[in-house]
Amino acid sequence: MRGQISLEFSIIFLALLIVVIISTIIPSMYGYGRLVETSLASLGHGALSKLKTNIEMLSVLDPDSRIVVYIRSPPGVWEIDDHNITLRGDGFTISTRCDINLNSNVRYYNRTNLSVIEIHLEKVNDTTININWT
């Protein structure tokens, strides 16, 4: 029986063909830029969530407590305004509100590329946390 292929091989081949077709259709439908934008927004959401978690953790500690946080930040502008933290990037804006007052050494912290940011958090008193961007 020359020239015949098994049923299992044909199913595997068709499944692989379908995967290739789907993986090329999705970026074509939404565009590569949209795919990158969604990825950066997801990364920004994770970074903002990690920062807020550490701020909330520090808020229950004693005054003069300190935490150093390393986050992977997408390109964008970080803004600290009283209780709010906002990350504005190319095509997305993510913000959150904390229960404690936030002071920052800079009002806007601009990142032009994907990078790891070192952030020093210090609890000043029961109602305030200082954020120092380095």
N, C-alpha and C. Protein backbone atom coordinates (compact mmCIF):
# COMPACT_ATOMS: atom_id res chain seq x y z
N MET A 1 0.84 -1.17 0.00
CA MET A 1 0.00 0.00 0.00
C MET A 1 0.89 1.23 0.00
N ARG A 2 1.41 1.52 -1.14
CA ARG A 2 2.27 2.69 -1.26
C ARG A 2 1.45 3.94 -1.51
N GLY A 3 1.95 5.05 -0.96
CA GLY A 3 1.33 6.34 -1.22
C GLY A 3 0.16 6.66 -0.31
N GLN A 4 -0.17 5.78 0.60
CA GLN A 4 -1.27 6.06 1.51
C GLN A 4 -0.71 6.56 2.85
N ILE A 5 -1.45 7.46 3.49
CA ILE A 5 -1.04 7.95 4.81
C ILE A 5 -2.07 7.51 5.83
N SER A 6 -1.64 7.41 7.04
CA SER A 6 -2.56 6.95 8.09
C SER A 6 -3.55 8.05 8.45
N LEU A 7 -4.63 7.64 9.07
CA LEU A 7 -5.65 8.58 9.51
C LEU A 7 -5.11 9.54 10.57
N GLU A 8 -4.28 9.02 11.49
CA GLU A 8 -3.72 9.86 12.54
C GLU A 8 -2.84 10.96 11.96
N PHE A 9 -2.02 10.59 10.97
CA PHE A 9 -1.15 11.59 10.34
C PHE A 9 -1.98 12.67 9.65
N SER A 10 -3.06 12.29 8.96
CA SER A 10 -3.88 13.29 8.30
C SER A 10 -4.56 14.21 9.29
N ILE A 11 -5.00 13.68 10.45
CA ILE A 11 -5.62 14.53 11.47
C ILE A 11 -4.60 15.50 12.05
N ILE A 12 -3.40 15.02 12.35
CA ILE A 12 -2.35 15.89 12.88
C ILE A 12 -1.98 16.97 11.86
N PHE A 13 -1.87 16.59 10.61
CA PHE A 13 -1.52 17.55 9.56
C PHE A 13 -2.61 18.62 9.42
N LEU A 14 -3.87 18.21 9.44
CA LEU A 14 -4.96 19.18 9.33
C LEU A 14 -5.03 20.09 10.55
N ALA A 15 -4.78 19.54 11.73
CA ALA A 15 -4.77 20.37 12.95
C ALA A 15 -3.65 21.41 12.87
N LEU A 16 -2.48 21.00 12.43
CA LEU A 16 -1.36 21.93 12.28
C LEU A 16 -1.69 23.01 11.25
N LEU A 17 -2.32 22.62 10.17
CA LEU A 17 -2.71 23.58 9.15
C LEU A 17 -3.72 24.60 9.70
N ILE A 18 -4.66 24.14 10.50
CA ILE A 18 -5.65 25.04 11.10
C ILE A 18 -4.97 26.00 12.08
N VAL A 19 -4.03 25.51 12.87
CA VAL A 19 -3.31 26.37 13.81
C VAL A 19 -2.53 27.45 13.07
N VAL A 20 -1.88 27.08 11.99
CA VAL A 20 -1.12 28.07 11.20
C VAL A 20 -2.06 29.11 10.60
N ILE A 21 -3.18 28.68 10.09
CA ILE A 21 -4.13 29.63 9.49
C ILE A 21 -4.68 30.58 10.56
N ILE A 22 -5.07 30.06 11.71
CA ILE A 22 -5.62 30.91 12.77
C ILE A 22 -4.56 31.87 13.30
N SER A 23 -3.34 31.39 13.48
CA SER A 23 -2.29 32.27 14.02
C SER A 23 -1.90 33.37 13.05
N THR A 24 -2.13 33.19 11.78
CA THR A 24 -1.84 34.27 10.83
C THR A 24 -3.05 35.17 10.59
N ILE A 25 -4.24 34.67 10.84
CA ILE A 25 -5.44 35.49 10.63
C ILE A 25 -5.61 36.50 11.75
N ILE A 26 -5.39 36.10 13.00
CA ILE A 26 -5.65 36.98 14.14
C ILE A 26 -4.81 38.26 14.08
N PRO A 27 -3.48 38.19 13.90
CA PRO A 27 -2.74 39.46 13.78
C PRO A 27 -3.16 40.27 12.55
N SER A 28 -3.57 39.60 11.50
CA SER A 28 -4.00 40.32 10.30
C SER A 28 -5.32 41.04 10.54
N MET A 29 -6.22 40.42 11.31
CA MET A 29 -7.51 41.04 11.57
C MET A 29 -7.37 42.27 12.46
N TYR A 30 -6.60 42.14 13.52
CA TYR A 30 -6.48 43.23 14.47
C TYR A 30 -5.28 44.13 14.18
N GLY A 31 -4.35 43.68 13.41
CA GLY A 31 -3.16 44.45 13.11
C GLY A 31 -2.08 44.25 14.15
N TYR A 32 -0.87 44.32 13.71
CA TYR A 32 0.27 44.12 14.60
C TYR A 32 0.33 45.20 15.68
N GLY A 33 0.01 46.43 15.31
CA GLY A 33 0.03 47.54 16.27
C GLY A 33 -0.95 47.32 17.40
N ARG A 34 -2.12 46.82 17.07
CA ARG A 34 -3.14 46.56 18.10
C ARG A 34 -2.67 45.44 19.03
N LEU A 35 -2.00 44.45 18.47
CA LEU A 35 -1.49 43.34 19.27
C LEU A 35 -0.43 43.84 20.26
N VAL A 36 0.48 44.71 19.79
CA VAL A 36 1.51 45.27 20.66
C VAL A 36 0.88 46.18 21.71
N GLU A 37 -0.08 46.98 21.30
CA GLU A 37 -0.76 47.88 22.23
C GLU A 37 -1.45 47.10 23.35
N THR A 38 -2.11 46.02 23.00
CA THR A 38 -2.77 45.18 24.00
C THR A 38 -1.76 44.55 24.94
N SER A 39 -0.63 44.12 24.41
CA SER A 39 0.41 43.52 25.25
C SER A 39 0.99 44.54 26.22
N LEU A 40 1.24 45.76 25.75
CA LEU A 40 1.78 46.81 26.62
C LEU A 40 0.77 47.21 27.69
N ALA A 41 -0.51 47.25 27.34
CA ALA A 41 -1.54 47.58 28.32
C ALA A 41 -1.63 46.49 29.39
N SER A 42 -1.48 45.25 28.98
CA SER A 42 -1.50 44.14 29.94
C SER A 42 -0.30 44.23 30.88
N LEU A 43 0.87 44.53 30.32
CA LEU A 43 2.07 44.69 31.14
C LEU A 43 1.92 45.87 32.10
N GLY A 44 1.33 46.97 31.62
CA GLY A 44 1.09 48.13 32.47
C GLY A 44 0.12 47.82 33.60
N HIS A 45 -0.88 47.04 33.31
CA HIS A 45 -1.84 46.66 34.35
C HIS A 45 -1.15 45.84 35.44
N GLY A 46 -0.28 44.92 35.04
CA GLY A 46 0.46 44.13 36.01
C GLY A 46 1.39 44.98 36.85
N ALA A 47 2.06 45.96 36.21
CA ALA A 47 2.97 46.84 36.93
C ALA A 47 2.22 47.71 37.94
N LEU A 48 1.09 48.26 37.51
CA LEU A 48 0.28 49.09 38.40
C LEU A 48 -0.27 48.27 39.56
N SER A 49 -0.68 47.06 39.28
CA SER A 49 -1.20 46.18 40.32
C SER A 49 -0.13 45.84 41.35
N LYS A 50 1.09 45.56 40.88
CA LYS A 50 2.18 45.25 41.80
C LYS A 50 2.52 46.45 42.67
N LEU A 51 2.55 47.65 42.07
CA LEU A 51 2.84 48.85 42.85
C LEU A 51 1.76 49.10 43.90
N LYS A 52 0.50 48.96 43.52
CA LYS A 52 -0.59 49.20 44.46
C LYS A 52 -0.57 48.16 45.59
N THR A 53 -0.29 46.92 45.26
CA THR A 53 -0.21 45.87 46.29
C THR A 53 0.85 46.20 47.32
N ASN A 54 2.01 46.65 46.86
CA ASN A 54 3.09 47.00 47.79
C ASN A 54 2.75 48.24 48.61
N ILE A 55 2.04 49.20 48.02
CA ILE A 55 1.60 50.38 48.77
C ILE A 55 0.61 49.98 49.85
N GLU A 56 -0.33 49.13 49.50
CA GLU A 56 -1.32 48.68 50.49
C GLU A 56 -0.65 47.86 51.60
N MET A 57 0.35 47.07 51.24
CA MET A 57 1.08 46.29 52.25
C MET A 57 1.86 47.21 53.18
N LEU A 58 2.48 48.25 52.62
CA LEU A 58 3.24 49.20 53.42
C LEU A 58 2.32 50.02 54.33
N SER A 59 1.11 50.26 53.89
CA SER A 59 0.19 51.10 54.66
C SER A 59 -0.19 50.49 56.01
N VAL A 60 -0.06 49.18 56.16
CA VAL A 60 -0.40 48.55 57.44
C VAL A 60 0.83 48.38 58.34
N LEU A 61 2.01 48.74 57.85
CA LEU A 61 3.22 48.66 58.65
C LEU A 61 3.40 49.91 59.50
N ASP A 62 4.42 49.90 60.34
CA ASP A 62 4.71 51.04 61.20
C ASP A 62 5.27 52.21 60.40
N PRO A 63 5.11 53.45 60.90
CA PRO A 63 5.74 54.60 60.24
C PRO A 63 7.26 54.41 60.16
N ASP A 64 7.87 55.01 59.16
CA ASP A 64 9.30 54.89 58.82
C ASP A 64 9.66 53.54 58.23
N SER A 65 8.68 52.72 57.89
CA SER A 65 8.95 51.46 57.19
C SER A 65 9.23 51.76 55.73
N ARG A 66 10.05 50.92 55.11
CA ARG A 66 10.44 51.14 53.72
C ARG A 66 10.35 49.84 52.92
N ILE A 67 10.01 49.98 51.65
CA ILE A 67 9.98 48.85 50.72
C ILE A 67 10.59 49.34 49.40
N VAL A 68 11.40 48.50 48.79
CA VAL A 68 11.90 48.78 47.44
C VAL A 68 11.19 47.84 46.49
N VAL A 69 10.57 48.40 45.46
CA VAL A 69 9.78 47.63 44.50
C VAL A 69 10.43 47.74 43.12
N TYR A 70 10.55 46.62 42.44
CA TYR A 70 11.04 46.59 41.06
C TYR A 70 9.87 46.16 40.18
N ILE A 71 9.52 47.01 39.22
CA ILE A 71 8.43 46.67 38.30
C ILE A 71 8.90 46.83 36.86
N ARG A 72 8.38 46.01 36.00
CA ARG A 72 8.66 46.11 34.57
C ARG A 72 7.58 47.01 33.98
N SER A 73 8.02 48.16 33.50
CA SER A 73 7.09 49.17 33.03
C SER A 73 7.11 49.29 31.51
N PRO A 74 5.93 49.38 30.91
CA PRO A 74 5.89 49.68 29.47
C PRO A 74 6.18 51.16 29.24
N PRO A 75 6.43 51.57 28.00
CA PRO A 75 6.61 52.99 27.74
C PRO A 75 5.35 53.77 28.11
N GLY A 76 5.53 54.86 28.81
CA GLY A 76 4.38 55.64 29.22
C GLY A 76 4.75 56.63 30.31
N VAL A 77 3.76 57.33 30.78
CA VAL A 77 3.95 58.35 31.82
C VAL A 77 3.19 57.91 33.07
N TRP A 78 3.93 57.81 34.17
CA TRP A 78 3.33 57.52 35.47
C TRP A 78 3.00 58.84 36.15
N GLU A 79 1.81 58.93 36.71
CA GLU A 79 1.38 60.16 37.39
C GLU A 79 0.86 59.80 38.78
N ILE A 80 1.36 60.52 39.79
CA ILE A 80 0.89 60.36 41.16
C ILE A 80 0.15 61.64 41.54
N ASP A 81 -1.10 61.50 41.95
CA ASP A 81 -1.91 62.65 42.31
C ASP A 81 -2.74 62.32 43.54
N ASP A 82 -2.25 62.71 44.71
CA ASP A 82 -2.92 62.50 46.00
C ASP A 82 -3.16 61.01 46.25
N HIS A 83 -4.35 60.50 45.98
CA HIS A 83 -4.67 59.10 46.22
C HIS A 83 -4.60 58.26 44.93
N ASN A 84 -4.37 58.88 43.79
CA ASN A 84 -4.48 58.20 42.51
C ASN A 84 -3.12 57.93 41.88
N ILE A 85 -3.02 56.79 41.21
CA ILE A 85 -1.85 56.45 40.39
C ILE A 85 -2.37 56.18 38.99
N THR A 86 -1.78 56.83 38.00
CA THR A 86 -2.22 56.67 36.62
C THR A 86 -1.02 56.36 35.73
N LEU A 87 -1.21 55.40 34.83
CA LEU A 87 -0.20 55.08 33.81
C LEU A 87 -0.83 55.34 32.45
N ARG A 88 -0.24 56.29 31.71
CA ARG A 88 -0.73 56.63 30.37
C ARG A 88 0.30 56.18 29.35
N GLY A 89 -0.11 55.31 28.47
CA GLY A 89 0.77 54.84 27.42
C GLY A 89 0.20 55.15 26.06
N ASP A 90 0.79 54.57 25.03
CA ASP A 90 0.35 54.79 23.66
C ASP A 90 -0.92 53.97 23.41
N GLY A 91 -2.07 54.61 23.57
CA GLY A 91 -3.33 53.94 23.31
C GLY A 91 -4.02 53.36 24.53
N PHE A 92 -3.48 53.57 25.72
CA PHE A 92 -4.13 53.06 26.92
C PHE A 92 -3.90 53.99 28.09
N THR A 93 -4.83 53.97 29.03
CA THR A 93 -4.72 54.69 30.29
C THR A 93 -5.24 53.75 31.38
N ILE A 94 -4.40 53.52 32.38
CA ILE A 94 -4.78 52.65 33.49
C ILE A 94 -4.62 53.46 34.77
N SER A 95 -5.62 53.42 35.63
CA SER A 95 -5.50 54.17 36.88
C SER A 95 -6.08 53.37 38.03
N THR A 96 -5.65 53.72 39.22
CA THR A 96 -6.15 53.08 40.42
C THR A 96 -6.18 54.11 41.54
N ARG A 97 -6.94 53.81 42.56
CA ARG A 97 -7.06 54.69 43.71
C ARG A 97 -6.64 53.93 44.96
N CYS A 98 -5.79 54.57 45.77
CA CYS A 98 -5.33 53.97 47.02
C CYS A 98 -6.05 54.64 48.20
N ASP A 99 -6.09 53.95 49.30
CA ASP A 99 -6.77 54.48 50.49
C ASP A 99 -5.89 55.43 51.29
N ILE A 100 -4.62 55.53 50.96
CA ILE A 100 -3.67 56.34 51.71
C ILE A 100 -3.15 57.46 50.82
N ASN A 101 -2.77 58.60 51.43
CA ASN A 101 -2.21 59.71 50.65
C ASN A 101 -0.86 59.32 50.06
N LEU A 102 -0.63 59.75 48.84
CA LEU A 102 0.63 59.44 48.16
C LEU A 102 1.36 60.73 47.81
N ASN A 103 2.63 60.82 48.21
CA ASN A 103 3.50 61.92 47.82
C ASN A 103 4.59 61.34 46.94
N SER A 104 4.98 62.07 45.92
CA SER A 104 6.02 61.60 45.01
C SER A 104 7.10 62.66 44.85
N ASN A 105 8.34 62.20 44.58
CA ASN A 105 9.41 63.16 44.35
C ASN A 105 9.24 63.87 43.00
N VAL A 106 8.49 63.27 42.10
CA VAL A 106 8.14 63.91 40.82
C VAL A 106 6.66 63.68 40.56
N ARG A 107 6.00 64.65 39.94
CA ARG A 107 4.58 64.47 39.64
C ARG A 107 4.37 63.54 38.46
N TYR A 108 5.22 63.67 37.43
CA TYR A 108 5.15 62.80 36.25
C TYR A 108 6.48 62.08 36.09
N TYR A 109 6.41 60.78 35.90
CA TYR A 109 7.62 59.98 35.67
C TYR A 109 7.48 59.34 34.30
N ASN A 110 8.33 59.76 33.36
CA ASN A 110 8.21 59.34 31.97
C ASN A 110 9.18 58.21 31.64
N ARG A 111 8.67 57.15 31.02
CA ARG A 111 9.50 56.05 30.53
C ARG A 111 9.30 55.98 29.02
N THR A 112 10.41 56.02 28.28
CA THR A 112 10.31 56.02 26.82
C THR A 112 10.46 54.63 26.21
N ASN A 113 10.87 53.66 27.03
CA ASN A 113 11.02 52.30 26.52
C ASN A 113 10.64 51.30 27.61
N LEU A 114 10.56 50.05 27.21
CA LEU A 114 10.27 48.99 28.16
C LEU A 114 11.46 48.83 29.09
N SER A 115 11.23 48.96 30.40
CA SER A 115 12.36 48.90 31.33
C SER A 115 11.88 48.51 32.72
N VAL A 116 12.84 48.17 33.55
CA VAL A 116 12.55 47.86 34.95
C VAL A 116 12.77 49.13 35.77
N ILE A 117 11.79 49.49 36.58
CA ILE A 117 11.85 50.69 37.40
C ILE A 117 12.07 50.28 38.86
N GLU A 118 12.96 50.99 39.51
CA GLU A 118 13.17 50.81 40.94
C GLU A 118 12.43 51.92 41.67
N ILE A 119 11.53 51.54 42.57
CA ILE A 119 10.70 52.50 43.29
C ILE A 119 10.90 52.29 44.78
N HIS A 120 11.23 53.37 45.49
CA HIS A 120 11.40 53.32 46.94
C HIS A 120 10.13 53.86 47.59
N LEU A 121 9.49 53.04 48.39
CA LEU A 121 8.29 53.44 49.12
C LEU A 121 8.64 53.60 50.59
N GLU A 122 8.18 54.70 51.18
CA GLU A 122 8.44 54.94 52.59
C GLU A 122 7.17 55.46 53.26
N LYS A 123 6.80 54.82 54.35
CA LYS A 123 5.62 55.27 55.10
C LYS A 123 6.05 56.39 56.04
N VAL A 124 5.52 57.58 55.84
CA VAL A 124 5.87 58.75 56.63
C VAL A 124 5.10 58.74 57.95
N ASN A 125 3.80 58.58 57.85
CA ASN A 125 2.93 58.50 59.05
C ASN A 125 1.76 57.59 58.70
N ASP A 126 0.75 57.58 59.53
CA ASP A 126 -0.37 56.66 59.31
C ASP A 126 -1.22 57.00 58.08
N THR A 127 -1.04 58.19 57.54
CA THR A 127 -1.89 58.59 56.40
C THR A 127 -1.12 58.87 55.12
N THR A 128 0.22 58.80 55.13
CA THR A 128 1.00 59.22 53.97
C THR A 128 2.13 58.24 53.65
N ILE A 129 2.30 58.00 52.34
CA ILE A 129 3.43 57.20 51.84
C ILE A 129 4.16 58.04 50.79
N ASN A 130 5.49 58.09 50.92
CA ASN A 130 6.33 58.77 49.92
C ASN A 130 6.75 57.76 48.85
N ILE A 131 6.70 58.19 47.59
CA ILE A 131 7.15 57.38 46.46
C ILE A 131 8.32 58.08 45.83
N ASN A 132 9.48 57.42 45.81
CA ASN A 132 10.69 57.98 45.18
C ASN A 132 11.06 57.14 43.98
N TRP A 133 10.97 57.75 42.80
CA TRP A 133 11.30 57.07 41.54
C TRP A 133 12.80 57.20 41.31
N THR A 134 13.45 56.12 40.97
CA THR A 134 14.89 56.19 40.67
C THR A 134 15.19 55.66 39.30
